[in-house]
């Protein structure tokens, strides 16, 4: 991990593991597809294809709720969110006005932190 690719993966026993990711969304989706302890997944600015790695098939295997967050001014992330939302019935999308890409959304839309906490509470408890 580098400072430019932050991720939050927290053990929340006995509730399972929530997983939130920004530019490592591909890795998070791959983990969620194979790790039954991941019980909720939030992806910021996810992409359907990151350097040749496609996550659609992995998300189809992920048996957990998935939140796909995109900024309204991030057209690739918006398109990807629509495609990835179709990978299962427990998928939600959230579009934030002019929020940008990745962790920039947390700065431009400070309420996103509370919305992510609410998502994990709702999907884990």
N, C-alpha and C. Protein backbone atom coordinates (compact mmCIF):
# COMPACT_ATOMS: atom_id res chain seq x y z
N UNK A 1 0.84 -1.18 0.00
CA UNK A 1 0.00 0.00 0.00
C UNK A 1 0.88 1.24 0.00
N UNK A 2 0.43 2.24 -0.70
CA UNK A 2 1.12 3.52 -0.70
C UNK A 2 0.17 4.58 -0.21
N UNK A 3 0.70 5.74 0.07
CA UNK A 3 -0.14 6.84 0.53
C UNK A 3 -1.14 7.25 -0.53
N UNK A 4 -0.86 7.00 -1.80
CA UNK A 4 -1.79 7.39 -2.85
C UNK A 4 -2.88 6.36 -3.07
N UNK A 5 -2.80 5.22 -2.41
CA UNK A 5 -3.81 4.18 -2.58
C UNK A 5 -4.28 3.68 -1.22
N UNK A 6 -4.95 4.54 -0.44
CA UNK A 6 -5.35 4.14 0.90
C UNK A 6 -6.51 3.16 0.86
N UNK A 7 -6.57 2.33 1.87
CA UNK A 7 -7.69 1.42 2.02
C UNK A 7 -8.00 1.28 3.50
N UNK A 8 -9.20 0.89 3.81
CA UNK A 8 -9.59 0.64 5.18
C UNK A 8 -10.17 -0.75 5.22
N UNK A 9 -9.53 -1.64 5.90
CA UNK A 9 -10.05 -2.99 6.10
C UNK A 9 -9.99 -3.25 7.59
N UNK A 10 -11.13 -3.41 8.21
CA UNK A 10 -11.20 -3.47 9.65
C UNK A 10 -11.84 -4.76 10.09
N UNK A 11 -11.23 -5.44 11.05
CA UNK A 11 -11.86 -6.62 11.64
C UNK A 11 -12.93 -6.12 12.60
N UNK A 12 -14.14 -6.56 12.42
CA UNK A 12 -15.26 -6.13 13.26
C UNK A 12 -15.96 -7.36 13.81
N UNK A 13 -15.20 -8.24 14.41
CA UNK A 13 -15.76 -9.46 14.96
C UNK A 13 -16.74 -9.09 16.06
N UNK A 14 -17.85 -9.72 16.28
CA UNK A 14 -18.29 -10.93 15.60
C UNK A 14 -19.15 -10.66 14.37
N UNK A 15 -19.13 -9.45 13.88
CA UNK A 15 -20.02 -9.06 12.80
C UNK A 15 -19.48 -9.36 11.42
N UNK A 16 -18.28 -9.87 11.31
CA UNK A 16 -17.67 -10.06 10.00
C UNK A 16 -16.80 -8.86 9.69
N UNK A 17 -16.23 -8.88 8.52
CA UNK A 17 -15.27 -7.83 8.18
C UNK A 17 -15.87 -6.89 7.14
N UNK A 18 -15.96 -5.58 7.47
CA UNK A 18 -16.33 -4.62 6.44
C UNK A 18 -15.08 -4.29 5.64
N UNK A 19 -15.25 -3.99 4.39
CA UNK A 19 -14.11 -3.65 3.57
C UNK A 19 -14.47 -2.44 2.73
N UNK A 20 -13.63 -1.41 2.82
CA UNK A 20 -13.85 -0.20 2.06
C UNK A 20 -12.59 0.09 1.27
N UNK A 21 -12.76 0.51 0.02
CA UNK A 21 -11.57 0.71 -0.81
C UNK A 21 -11.77 1.85 -1.77
N UNK A 22 -10.67 2.48 -2.13
CA UNK A 22 -10.72 3.52 -3.15
C UNK A 22 -10.00 2.98 -4.37
N UNK A 23 -8.77 3.41 -4.63
CA UNK A 23 -8.08 2.98 -5.85
C UNK A 23 -7.69 1.51 -5.81
N UNK A 24 -7.92 0.84 -4.73
CA UNK A 24 -7.67 -0.60 -4.66
C UNK A 24 -8.99 -1.37 -4.72
N UNK A 25 -9.98 -0.77 -5.34
CA UNK A 25 -11.30 -1.41 -5.42
C UNK A 25 -11.24 -2.77 -6.08
N UNK A 26 -10.38 -2.93 -7.07
CA UNK A 26 -10.26 -4.22 -7.74
C UNK A 26 -9.81 -5.28 -6.75
N UNK A 27 -8.80 -4.98 -5.97
CA UNK A 27 -8.31 -5.94 -4.98
C UNK A 27 -9.39 -6.25 -3.95
N UNK A 28 -10.10 -5.23 -3.50
CA UNK A 28 -11.14 -5.44 -2.50
C UNK A 28 -12.24 -6.35 -3.04
N UNK A 29 -12.62 -6.15 -4.29
CA UNK A 29 -13.65 -6.99 -4.89
C UNK A 29 -13.17 -8.43 -5.01
N UNK A 30 -11.92 -8.62 -5.37
CA UNK A 30 -11.36 -9.97 -5.48
C UNK A 30 -11.32 -10.66 -4.12
N UNK A 31 -10.97 -9.92 -3.08
CA UNK A 31 -10.97 -10.48 -1.73
C UNK A 31 -12.38 -10.86 -1.32
N UNK A 32 -13.34 -9.96 -1.55
CA UNK A 32 -14.72 -10.21 -1.16
C UNK A 32 -15.28 -11.45 -1.85
N UNK A 33 -14.82 -11.73 -3.05
CA UNK A 33 -15.33 -12.89 -3.80
C UNK A 33 -14.86 -14.20 -3.20
N UNK A 34 -13.75 -14.17 -2.49
CA UNK A 34 -13.17 -15.43 -2.00
C UNK A 34 -13.10 -15.53 -0.49
N UNK A 35 -13.38 -14.47 0.22
CA UNK A 35 -13.25 -14.47 1.68
C UNK A 35 -14.62 -14.30 2.33
N UNK A 36 -15.16 -15.36 2.92
CA UNK A 36 -16.51 -15.28 3.49
C UNK A 36 -16.61 -14.38 4.72
N UNK A 37 -15.47 -13.94 5.27
CA UNK A 37 -15.55 -13.03 6.42
C UNK A 37 -15.83 -11.60 5.99
N UNK A 38 -15.70 -11.29 4.70
CA UNK A 38 -16.07 -9.96 4.21
C UNK A 38 -17.58 -9.95 4.06
N UNK A 39 -18.24 -9.17 4.92
CA UNK A 39 -19.70 -9.18 4.94
C UNK A 39 -20.33 -7.92 4.40
N UNK A 40 -19.51 -6.92 4.05
CA UNK A 40 -20.02 -5.68 3.49
C UNK A 40 -18.86 -5.01 2.76
N UNK A 41 -19.18 -4.41 1.63
CA UNK A 41 -18.12 -3.85 0.78
C UNK A 41 -18.56 -2.48 0.27
N UNK A 42 -17.71 -1.47 0.46
CA UNK A 42 -17.96 -0.14 -0.09
C UNK A 42 -16.79 0.21 -0.99
N UNK A 43 -17.08 0.53 -2.24
CA UNK A 43 -16.05 0.85 -3.22
C UNK A 43 -16.20 2.29 -3.68
N UNK A 44 -15.13 3.07 -3.52
CA UNK A 44 -15.13 4.46 -3.97
C UNK A 44 -14.48 4.52 -5.35
N UNK A 45 -15.18 5.06 -6.31
CA UNK A 45 -14.67 5.24 -7.67
C UNK A 45 -14.16 3.93 -8.27
N UNK A 46 -14.95 2.89 -8.12
CA UNK A 46 -14.56 1.59 -8.68
C UNK A 46 -14.54 1.64 -10.20
N UNK A 47 -13.73 0.78 -10.78
CA UNK A 47 -13.69 0.70 -12.24
C UNK A 47 -13.95 -0.74 -12.67
N UNK A 48 -14.56 -0.89 -13.81
CA UNK A 48 -14.81 -2.24 -14.31
C UNK A 48 -13.53 -2.89 -14.80
N UNK A 49 -12.55 -2.09 -15.18
CA UNK A 49 -11.29 -2.62 -15.71
C UNK A 49 -10.15 -1.75 -15.20
N UNK A 50 -9.35 -2.30 -14.29
CA UNK A 50 -8.21 -1.57 -13.76
C UNK A 50 -6.94 -2.26 -14.24
N UNK A 51 -6.31 -1.66 -15.23
CA UNK A 51 -5.07 -2.20 -15.79
C UNK A 51 -5.21 -3.66 -16.21
N UNK A 52 -6.33 -3.96 -16.82
CA UNK A 52 -6.57 -5.31 -17.32
C UNK A 52 -7.25 -6.24 -16.34
N UNK A 53 -7.41 -5.82 -15.09
CA UNK A 53 -8.12 -6.64 -14.11
C UNK A 53 -9.58 -6.22 -14.09
N UNK A 54 -10.45 -7.16 -14.41
CA UNK A 54 -11.88 -6.88 -14.43
C UNK A 54 -12.52 -7.46 -13.18
N UNK A 55 -13.44 -6.70 -12.56
CA UNK A 55 -13.99 -7.16 -11.29
C UNK A 55 -15.45 -7.62 -11.37
N UNK A 56 -16.05 -7.55 -12.53
CA UNK A 56 -17.45 -7.96 -12.62
C UNK A 56 -17.68 -9.39 -12.15
N UNK A 57 -16.87 -10.33 -12.63
CA UNK A 57 -17.04 -11.73 -12.25
C UNK A 57 -16.82 -11.92 -10.75
N UNK A 58 -15.83 -11.22 -10.19
CA UNK A 58 -15.57 -11.32 -8.76
C UNK A 58 -16.76 -10.82 -7.96
N UNK A 59 -17.34 -9.70 -8.37
CA UNK A 59 -18.49 -9.17 -7.63
C UNK A 59 -19.71 -10.08 -7.75
N UNK A 60 -19.83 -10.80 -8.85
CA UNK A 60 -20.93 -11.76 -8.97
C UNK A 60 -20.80 -12.87 -7.92
N UNK A 61 -19.56 -13.20 -7.56
CA UNK A 61 -19.31 -14.25 -6.56
C UNK A 61 -19.40 -13.72 -5.14
N UNK A 62 -19.27 -12.43 -4.96
CA UNK A 62 -19.28 -11.84 -3.62
C UNK A 62 -20.68 -11.93 -3.03
N UNK A 63 -20.78 -12.62 -1.91
CA UNK A 63 -22.07 -12.81 -1.27
C UNK A 63 -22.23 -11.81 -0.12
N UNK A 64 -22.10 -10.54 -0.47
CA UNK A 64 -22.25 -9.50 0.54
C UNK A 64 -22.83 -8.26 -0.14
N UNK A 65 -23.41 -7.37 0.65
CA UNK A 65 -23.88 -6.11 0.08
C UNK A 65 -22.70 -5.27 -0.41
N UNK A 66 -22.90 -4.58 -1.52
CA UNK A 66 -21.85 -3.75 -2.10
C UNK A 66 -22.41 -2.35 -2.36
N UNK A 67 -21.70 -1.35 -1.87
CA UNK A 67 -22.03 0.05 -2.12
C UNK A 67 -21.01 0.60 -3.11
N UNK A 68 -21.48 1.16 -4.20
CA UNK A 68 -20.62 1.73 -5.23
C UNK A 68 -20.81 3.25 -5.21
N UNK A 69 -19.75 3.97 -4.85
CA UNK A 69 -19.82 5.42 -4.70
C UNK A 69 -19.03 6.07 -5.83
N UNK A 70 -19.65 7.05 -6.49
CA UNK A 70 -18.98 7.76 -7.59
C UNK A 70 -19.33 9.24 -7.53
N UNK A 71 -18.39 10.06 -7.94
CA UNK A 71 -18.63 11.49 -8.06
C UNK A 71 -19.33 11.78 -9.39
N UNK A 72 -20.23 12.74 -9.39
CA UNK A 72 -20.97 13.05 -10.62
C UNK A 72 -20.06 13.55 -11.73
N UNK A 73 -18.88 14.03 -11.38
CA UNK A 73 -17.94 14.53 -12.38
C UNK A 73 -16.82 13.52 -12.68
N UNK A 74 -17.09 12.25 -12.42
CA UNK A 74 -16.17 11.16 -12.71
C UNK A 74 -16.89 10.17 -13.63
N UNK A 75 -16.94 10.48 -14.93
CA UNK A 75 -17.78 9.69 -15.84
C UNK A 75 -17.42 8.20 -15.90
N UNK A 76 -16.15 7.86 -15.81
CA UNK A 76 -15.78 6.44 -15.87
C UNK A 76 -16.28 5.70 -14.63
N UNK A 77 -16.11 6.30 -13.45
CA UNK A 77 -16.61 5.67 -12.22
C UNK A 77 -18.13 5.56 -12.23
N UNK A 78 -18.81 6.57 -12.79
CA UNK A 78 -20.28 6.50 -12.89
C UNK A 78 -20.72 5.34 -13.78
N UNK A 79 -20.10 5.23 -14.96
CA UNK A 79 -20.44 4.11 -15.86
C UNK A 79 -20.12 2.77 -15.21
N UNK A 80 -18.97 2.70 -14.55
CA UNK A 80 -18.58 1.45 -13.89
C UNK A 80 -19.57 1.08 -12.79
N UNK A 81 -20.03 2.06 -12.01
CA UNK A 81 -20.99 1.79 -10.94
C UNK A 81 -22.27 1.17 -11.48
N UNK A 82 -22.73 1.67 -12.61
CA UNK A 82 -23.95 1.11 -13.22
C UNK A 82 -23.72 -0.35 -13.63
N UNK A 83 -22.61 -0.61 -14.26
CA UNK A 83 -22.29 -1.98 -14.70
C UNK A 83 -22.12 -2.89 -13.49
N UNK A 84 -21.38 -2.44 -12.49
CA UNK A 84 -21.11 -3.28 -11.32
C UNK A 84 -22.34 -3.48 -10.45
N UNK A 85 -23.25 -2.53 -10.46
CA UNK A 85 -24.49 -2.68 -9.70
C UNK A 85 -25.33 -3.83 -10.23
N UNK A 86 -25.14 -4.18 -11.47
CA UNK A 86 -25.90 -5.28 -12.08
C UNK A 86 -25.32 -6.66 -11.73
N UNK A 87 -24.27 -6.71 -10.91
CA UNK A 87 -23.64 -7.99 -10.59
C UNK A 87 -24.34 -8.76 -9.48
N UNK A 88 -25.33 -8.18 -8.87
CA UNK A 88 -26.04 -8.87 -7.80
C UNK A 88 -27.20 -8.06 -7.29
N UNK A 89 -28.03 -8.72 -6.50
CA UNK A 89 -29.23 -8.04 -6.00
C UNK A 89 -28.93 -7.14 -4.80
N UNK A 90 -27.83 -7.37 -4.14
CA UNK A 90 -27.50 -6.59 -2.94
C UNK A 90 -26.47 -5.52 -3.27
N UNK A 91 -26.78 -4.72 -4.28
CA UNK A 91 -25.89 -3.66 -4.73
C UNK A 91 -26.62 -2.32 -4.65
N UNK A 92 -25.92 -1.30 -4.21
CA UNK A 92 -26.46 0.06 -4.17
C UNK A 92 -25.44 1.00 -4.77
N UNK A 93 -25.94 2.07 -5.38
CA UNK A 93 -25.05 3.10 -5.90
C UNK A 93 -25.33 4.41 -5.17
N UNK A 94 -24.30 5.22 -5.06
CA UNK A 94 -24.42 6.54 -4.46
C UNK A 94 -23.61 7.49 -5.35
N UNK A 95 -24.29 8.51 -5.87
CA UNK A 95 -23.62 9.51 -6.69
C UNK A 95 -23.54 10.81 -5.89
N UNK A 96 -22.33 11.33 -5.77
CA UNK A 96 -22.11 12.56 -5.01
C UNK A 96 -21.81 13.70 -5.98
N UNK A 97 -22.51 14.83 -5.84
CA UNK A 97 -22.31 15.95 -6.77
C UNK A 97 -20.90 16.53 -6.71
N UNK A 98 -20.26 16.60 -7.87
CA UNK A 98 -18.94 17.23 -8.02
C UNK A 98 -17.93 16.77 -6.97
N UNK A 99 -17.95 15.50 -6.63
CA UNK A 99 -17.10 14.98 -5.55
C UNK A 99 -15.73 14.54 -6.03
N UNK A 100 -15.54 14.42 -7.32
CA UNK A 100 -14.23 13.99 -7.81
C UNK A 100 -14.06 12.48 -7.78
N UNK A 101 -12.81 12.06 -7.58
CA UNK A 101 -12.45 10.64 -7.67
C UNK A 101 -11.76 10.18 -6.39
N UNK A 102 -12.09 8.97 -5.95
CA UNK A 102 -11.40 8.35 -4.82
C UNK A 102 -11.55 9.11 -3.53
N UNK A 103 -10.45 9.20 -2.79
CA UNK A 103 -10.51 9.85 -1.48
C UNK A 103 -10.78 11.35 -1.56
N UNK A 104 -10.66 11.94 -2.74
CA UNK A 104 -11.05 13.35 -2.91
C UNK A 104 -12.51 13.53 -2.52
N UNK A 105 -13.32 12.50 -2.72
CA UNK A 105 -14.74 12.58 -2.35
C UNK A 105 -14.91 12.83 -0.86
N UNK A 106 -14.03 12.29 -0.04
CA UNK A 106 -14.12 12.48 1.41
C UNK A 106 -13.84 13.92 1.81
N UNK A 107 -13.05 14.62 1.02
CA UNK A 107 -12.74 16.02 1.28
C UNK A 107 -13.86 16.92 0.75
N UNK A 108 -14.29 16.66 -0.47
CA UNK A 108 -15.31 17.50 -1.10
C UNK A 108 -16.71 17.26 -0.54
N UNK A 109 -16.94 16.06 -0.03
CA UNK A 109 -18.25 15.71 0.54
C UNK A 109 -18.01 15.09 1.92
N UNK A 110 -17.72 15.92 2.93
CA UNK A 110 -17.38 15.39 4.26
C UNK A 110 -18.45 14.48 4.85
N UNK A 111 -19.70 14.65 4.45
CA UNK A 111 -20.77 13.79 4.98
C UNK A 111 -20.65 12.36 4.48
N UNK A 112 -19.79 12.12 3.50
CA UNK A 112 -19.60 10.76 3.00
C UNK A 112 -19.12 9.83 4.10
N UNK A 113 -18.29 10.32 4.99
CA UNK A 113 -17.80 9.47 6.08
C UNK A 113 -18.96 8.94 6.90
N UNK A 114 -19.89 9.82 7.28
CA UNK A 114 -21.06 9.39 8.05
C UNK A 114 -21.93 8.44 7.23
N UNK A 115 -22.05 8.69 5.94
CA UNK A 115 -22.86 7.82 5.09
C UNK A 115 -22.24 6.44 4.98
N UNK A 116 -20.91 6.36 4.94
CA UNK A 116 -20.24 5.06 4.90
C UNK A 116 -20.42 4.31 6.22
N UNK A 117 -20.30 5.04 7.33
CA UNK A 117 -20.52 4.41 8.64
C UNK A 117 -21.95 3.88 8.72
N UNK A 118 -22.92 4.68 8.27
CA UNK A 118 -24.31 4.24 8.27
C UNK A 118 -24.49 2.99 7.40
N UNK A 119 -23.84 2.96 6.24
CA UNK A 119 -23.91 1.79 5.35
C UNK A 119 -23.41 0.53 6.07
N UNK A 120 -22.25 0.65 6.70
CA UNK A 120 -21.71 -0.52 7.39
C UNK A 120 -22.57 -0.93 8.57
N UNK A 121 -23.11 0.03 9.30
CA UNK A 121 -24.03 -0.32 10.40
C UNK A 121 -25.25 -1.06 9.87
N UNK A 122 -25.80 -0.54 8.79
CA UNK A 122 -27.01 -1.14 8.21
C UNK A 122 -26.75 -2.53 7.65
N UNK A 123 -25.58 -2.74 7.08
CA UNK A 123 -25.32 -4.02 6.41
C UNK A 123 -24.63 -5.04 7.30
N UNK A 124 -24.10 -4.60 8.44
CA UNK A 124 -23.39 -5.53 9.31
C UNK A 124 -24.15 -5.86 10.60
N UNK A 125 -24.99 -4.96 11.05
CA UNK A 125 -25.67 -5.19 12.34
C UNK A 125 -27.06 -5.73 12.15
